[in-house]
Amino acid sequence: MTEQEFATRAQALKTRLYRTAYLYLGSEAYALDAVDEAIYLGLLHHRRLRQPERFNTWLTRILINACNAELRRRKRELAVEQLPETPGETLDHLPLRQAIAKLPRELRAVIILRYFQDLTLAETAETLGIPAGTVSTRQRKALSLLKLELSEEV
């Protein structure tokens, strides 16, 4: 894969990557930084990609690792009150967004990839590096927790 091919494919995937990063990190600024970091790392290592047809999964995995690194970094920082995002950020106020944020990291990853990135069960398993059966189990557990959380709010 050439750098030009990488740039073209990464540009086509950028919106989807941003959406995933935003759901992981909950902040526009952090999501943009994570997408930039993932694309930069992907560009550095694009020659290592053995199967170009798995480019989307490969770059999504890099993004998830960047998001997890950012979450770990934030845990180490002192708690500082953050300025609110722009008033138009309605996704943060949705009960579903708040319920997804409360899920454990493993369950949240499955929900984000399956329902917000529209990945198949097999693609989700490949992206997370776990068996398809584990994805299915985590999906069922996450959906039941979401249902419980959202039914309490009604």
C-alpha atoms as a PDB file:
ATOM      1  CA  MET A   1       0.000   0.000   0.000  1.00  0.00           C
ATOM      2  CA  THR A   2       1.405   3.363  -0.976  1.00  0.00           C
ATOM      3  CA  GLU A   3       1.140   6.512   1.108  1.00  0.00           C
ATOM      4  CA  GLN A   4      -1.349   7.938  -1.389  1.00  0.00           C
ATOM      5  CA  GLU A   5      -3.585   4.857  -1.103  1.00  0.00           C
ATOM      6  CA  PHE A   6      -3.336   5.094   2.679  1.00  0.00           C
ATOM      7  CA  ALA A   7      -4.321   8.770   2.610  1.00  0.00           C
ATOM      8  CA  THR A   8      -7.306   8.099   0.353  1.00  0.00           C
ATOM      9  CA  ARG A   9      -8.598   5.208   2.431  1.00  0.00           C
ATOM     10  CA  ALA A  10      -7.990   7.004   5.743  1.00  0.00           C
ATOM     11  CA  GLN A  11      -9.845  10.091   4.517  1.00  0.00           C
ATOM     12  CA  ALA A  12     -12.847   7.950   3.560  1.00  0.00           C
ATOM     13  CA  LEU A  13     -12.847   6.384   7.042  1.00  0.00           C
ATOM     14  CA  LYS A  14     -12.281   9.577   9.034  1.00  0.00           C
ATOM     15  CA  THR A  15     -15.922  10.305   9.926  1.00  0.00           C
ATOM     16  CA  ARG A  16     -16.476   6.780  11.160  1.00  0.00           C
ATOM     17  CA  LEU A  17     -13.291   6.926  13.223  1.00  0.00           C
ATOM     18  CA  TYR A  18     -14.325  10.250  14.747  1.00  0.00           C
ATOM     19  CA  ARG A  19     -17.710   8.884  15.733  1.00  0.00           C
ATOM     20  CA  THR A  20     -16.066   5.920  17.450  1.00  0.00           C
ATOM     21  CA  ALA A  21     -13.525   8.085  19.254  1.00  0.00           C
ATOM     22  CA  TYR A  22     -16.241  10.501  20.404  1.00  0.00           C
ATOM     23  CA  LEU A  23     -18.260   7.642  21.875  1.00  0.00           C
ATOM     24  CA  TYR A  24     -15.185   6.341  23.676  1.00  0.00           C
ATOM     25  CA  LEU A  25     -13.898   9.652  24.972  1.00  0.00           C
ATOM     26  CA  GLY A  26     -17.001  11.840  25.208  1.00  0.00           C
ATOM     27  CA  SER A  27     -15.248  14.991  24.077  1.00  0.00           C
ATOM     28  CA  GLU A  28     -14.883  16.536  20.652  1.00  0.00           C
ATOM     29  CA  ALA A  29     -11.328  17.719  21.281  1.00  0.00           C
ATOM     30  CA  TYR A  30     -10.129  14.381  22.648  1.00  0.00           C
ATOM     31  CA  ALA A  31     -11.853  12.521  19.812  1.00  0.00           C
ATOM     32  CA  LEU A  32     -10.163  14.673  17.176  1.00  0.00           C
ATOM     33  CA  ASP A  33      -6.796  14.138  18.861  1.00  0.00           C
ATOM     34  CA  ALA A  34      -7.347  10.370  18.975  1.00  0.00           C
ATOM     35  CA  VAL A  35      -8.290  10.226  15.292  1.00  0.00           C
ATOM     36  CA  ASP A  36      -5.220  12.291  14.382  1.00  0.00           C
ATOM     37  CA  GLU A  37      -3.022  10.029  16.494  1.00  0.00           C
ATOM     38  CA  ALA A  38      -4.496   6.865  14.937  1.00  0.00           C
ATOM     39  CA  ILE A  39      -4.012   8.144  11.401  1.00  0.00           C
ATOM     40  CA  TYR A  40      -0.466   9.257  12.192  1.00  0.00           C
ATOM     41  CA  LEU A  41       0.409   5.851  13.684  1.00  0.00           C
ATOM     42  CA  GLY A  42      -1.275   4.131  10.766  1.00  0.00           C
ATOM     43  CA  LEU A  43       0.779   6.157   8.321  1.00  0.00           C
ATOM     44  CA  LEU A  44       3.983   5.306  10.180  1.00  0.00           C
ATOM     45  CA  HIS A  45       3.215   1.584  10.082  1.00  0.00           C
ATOM     46  CA  HIS A  46       1.127   1.207   6.909  1.00  0.00           C
ATOM     47  CA  ARG A  47       3.764  -0.958   5.273  1.00  0.00           C
ATOM     48  CA  ARG A  48       3.296  -3.562   8.018  1.00  0.00           C
ATOM     49  CA  LEU A  49      -0.312  -4.151   6.981  1.00  0.00           C
ATOM     50  CA  ARG A  50      -0.209  -7.566   5.348  1.00  0.00           C
ATOM     51  CA  GLN A  51      -3.827  -7.713   4.224  1.00  0.00           C
ATOM     52  CA  PRO A  52      -4.940  -4.396   2.688  1.00  0.00           C
ATOM     53  CA  GLU A  53      -8.566  -5.596   2.576  1.00  0.00           C
ATOM     54  CA  ARG A  54      -8.557  -5.393   6.390  1.00  0.00           C
ATOM     55  CA  PHE A  55      -7.510  -1.754   6.404  1.00  0.00           C
ATOM     56  CA  ASN A  56     -10.695  -0.525   8.133  1.00  0.00           C
ATOM     57  CA  THR A  57     -10.410  -3.047  10.944  1.00  0.00           C
ATOM     58  CA  TRP A  58      -6.689  -2.376  11.326  1.00  0.00           C
ATOM     59  CA  LEU A  59      -7.098   1.398  11.567  1.00  0.00           C
ATOM     60  CA  THR A  60     -10.092   1.061  13.906  1.00  0.00           C
ATOM     61  CA  ARG A  61      -7.985  -1.114  16.208  1.00  0.00           C
ATOM     62  CA  ILE A  62      -5.249   1.531  16.223  1.00  0.00           C
ATOM     63  CA  LEU A  63      -7.907   4.132  17.100  1.00  0.00           C
ATOM     64  CA  ILE A  64      -9.281   2.032  19.965  1.00  0.00           C
ATOM     65  CA  ASN A  65      -5.758   1.665  21.350  1.00  0.00           C
ATOM     66  CA  ALA A  66      -5.273   5.441  21.096  1.00  0.00           C
ATOM     67  CA  CYS A  67      -8.596   6.014  22.908  1.00  0.00           C
ATOM     68  CA  ASN A  68      -7.676   3.559  25.657  1.00  0.00           C
ATOM     69  CA  ALA A  69      -4.290   5.274  26.074  1.00  0.00           C
ATOM     70  CA  GLU A  70      -6.062   8.631  26.390  1.00  0.00           C
ATOM     71  CA  LEU A  71      -8.468   7.216  28.987  1.00  0.00           C
ATOM     72  CA  ARG A  72      -5.536   5.842  30.998  1.00  0.00           C
ATOM     73  CA  ARG A  73      -3.774   9.190  30.748  1.00  0.00           C
ATOM     74  CA  ARG A  74      -6.868  11.020  31.966  1.00  0.00           C
ATOM     75  CA  LYS A  75      -7.153   8.734  34.977  1.00  0.00           C
ATOM     76  CA  ARG A  76      -3.653   9.748  36.045  1.00  0.00           C
ATOM     77  CA  GLU A  77      -4.373  13.455  35.765  1.00  0.00           C
ATOM     78  CA  LEU A  78      -5.703  15.397  38.661  1.00  0.00           C
ATOM     79  CA  ALA A  79      -9.412  15.980  38.523  1.00  0.00           C
ATOM     80  CA  VAL A  80      -9.853  19.358  36.895  1.00  0.00           C
ATOM     81  CA  GLU A  81     -13.226  20.811  36.102  1.00  0.00           C
ATOM     82  CA  GLN A  82     -13.648  20.871  32.338  1.00  0.00           C
ATOM     83  CA  LEU A  83     -15.339  23.596  30.417  1.00  0.00           C
ATOM     84  CA  PRO A  84     -18.586  22.423  28.848  1.00  0.00           C
ATOM     85  CA  GLU A  85     -18.591  21.529  25.167  1.00  0.00           C
ATOM     86  CA  THR A  86     -20.483  23.698  22.740  1.00  0.00           C
ATOM     87  CA  PRO A  87     -24.181  24.086  23.591  1.00  0.00           C
ATOM     88  CA  GLY A  88     -25.111  22.218  20.429  1.00  0.00           C
ATOM     89  CA  GLU A  89     -23.620  18.976  21.746  1.00  0.00           C
ATOM     90  CA  THR A  90     -26.866  17.137  22.275  1.00  0.00           C
ATOM     91  CA  LEU A  91     -25.370  13.654  22.173  1.00  0.00           C
ATOM     92  CA  ASP A  92     -23.911  14.112  25.665  1.00  0.00           C
ATOM     93  CA  HIS A  93     -27.360  14.728  27.094  1.00  0.00           C
ATOM     94  CA  LEU A  94     -29.031  11.689  25.623  1.00  0.00           C
ATOM     95  CA  PRO A  95     -29.869   8.964  28.133  1.00  0.00           C
ATOM     96  CA  LEU A  96     -28.439   6.371  25.745  1.00  0.00           C
ATOM     97  CA  ARG A  97     -25.068   8.142  25.622  1.00  0.00           C
ATOM     98  CA  GLN A  98     -24.955   8.319  29.402  1.00  0.00           C
ATOM     99  CA  ALA A  99     -25.980   4.670  29.739  1.00  0.00           C
ATOM    100  CA  ILE A 100     -23.283   3.567  27.275  1.00  0.00           C
ATOM    101  CA  ALA A 101     -20.680   5.571  29.206  1.00  0.00           C
ATOM    102  CA  LYS A 102     -21.584   3.654  32.384  1.00  0.00           C
ATOM    103  CA  LEU A 103     -20.900   0.267  30.780  1.00  0.00           C
ATOM    104  CA  PRO A 104     -17.642  -1.529  31.543  1.00  0.00           C
ATOM    105  CA  ARG A 105     -14.974  -0.885  28.900  1.00  0.00           C
ATOM    106  CA  GLU A 106     -15.192  -4.366  27.311  1.00  0.00           C
ATOM    107  CA  LEU A 107     -18.975  -4.163  26.923  1.00  0.00           C
ATOM    108  CA  ARG A 108     -18.890  -0.562  25.722  1.00  0.00           C
ATOM    109  CA  ALA A 109     -16.380  -1.466  22.988  1.00  0.00           C
ATOM    110  CA  VAL A 110     -18.690  -4.163  21.612  1.00  0.00           C
ATOM    111  CA  ILE A 111     -21.741  -1.861  21.587  1.00  0.00           C
ATOM    112  CA  ILE A 112     -19.861   0.982  19.903  1.00  0.00           C
ATOM    113  CA  LEU A 113     -18.416  -1.233  17.191  1.00  0.00           C
ATOM    114  CA  ARG A 114     -21.588  -3.231  16.544  1.00  0.00           C
ATOM    115  CA  TYR A 115     -24.211  -0.481  16.640  1.00  0.00           C
ATOM    116  CA  PHE A 116     -22.402   2.769  15.944  1.00  0.00           C
ATOM    117  CA  GLN A 117     -19.839   1.501  13.444  1.00  0.00           C
ATOM    118  CA  ASP A 118     -22.153  -1.138  11.949  1.00  0.00           C
ATOM    119  CA  LEU A 119     -19.519  -3.857  12.104  1.00  0.00           C
ATOM    120  CA  THR A 120     -20.588  -7.474  11.832  1.00  0.00           C
ATOM    121  CA  LEU A 121     -20.045  -9.916  14.659  1.00  0.00           C
ATOM    122  CA  ALA A 122     -16.976 -11.346  12.905  1.00  0.00           C
ATOM    123  CA  GLU A 123     -15.523  -7.885  12.169  1.00  0.00           C
ATOM    124  CA  THR A 124     -16.048  -6.844  15.783  1.00  0.00           C
ATOM    125  CA  ALA A 125     -14.328 -10.003  17.002  1.00  0.00           C
ATOM    126  CA  GLU A 126     -11.406  -9.389  14.662  1.00  0.00           C
ATOM    127  CA  THR A 127     -11.116  -5.737  15.661  1.00  0.00           C
ATOM    128  CA  LEU A 128     -11.099  -6.528  19.379  1.00  0.00           C
ATOM    129  CA  GLY A 129      -8.992  -9.657  18.970  1.00  0.00           C
ATOM    130  CA  ILE A 130     -11.472 -11.908  20.774  1.00  0.00           C
ATOM    131  CA  PRO A 131     -13.588 -14.909  19.666  1.00  0.00           C
ATOM    132  CA  ALA A 132     -16.969 -14.258  18.036  1.00  0.00           C
ATOM    133  CA  GLY A 133     -18.705 -16.128  20.861  1.00  0.00           C
ATOM    134  CA  THR A 134     -17.227 -13.703  23.377  1.00  0.00           C
ATOM    135  CA  VAL A 135     -18.476 -10.768  21.310  1.00  0.00           C
ATOM    136  CA  SER A 136     -21.950 -12.297  21.258  1.00  0.00           C
ATOM    137  CA  THR A 137     -21.923 -12.858  25.023  1.00  0.00           C
ATOM    138  CA  ARG A 138     -20.685  -9.329  25.745  1.00  0.00           C
ATOM    139  CA  GLN A 139     -23.261  -7.885  23.374  1.00  0.00           C
ATOM    140  CA  ARG A 140     -26.118  -9.687  25.141  1.00  0.00           C
ATOM    141  CA  LYS A 141     -24.850  -8.623  28.550  1.00  0.00           C
ATOM    142  CA  ALA A 142     -24.369  -5.006  27.447  1.00  0.00           C
ATOM    143  CA  LEU A 143     -27.820  -4.826  25.892  1.00  0.00           C
ATOM    144  CA  SER A 144     -29.439  -6.198  29.032  1.00  0.00           C
ATOM    145  CA  LEU A 145     -27.554  -3.656  31.167  1.00  0.00           C
ATOM    146  CA  LEU A 146     -28.552  -0.839  28.814  1.00  0.00           C
ATOM    147  CA  LYS A 147     -32.155  -1.964  28.897  1.00  0.00           C
ATOM    148  CA  LEU A 148     -32.078  -2.032  32.693  1.00  0.00           C
ATOM    149  CA  GLU A 149     -30.404   1.387  32.895  1.00  0.00           C
ATOM    150  CA  LEU A 150     -32.761   3.016  30.412  1.00  0.00           C
ATOM    151  CA  SER A 151     -35.896   1.480  31.945  1.00  0.00           C
ATOM    152  CA  GLU A 152     -34.929   2.970  35.330  1.00  0.00           C
ATOM    153  CA  GLU A 153     -34.876   6.439  33.799  1.00  0.00           C
ATOM    154  CA  VAL A 154     -38.386   6.215  32.435  1.00  0.00           C
END
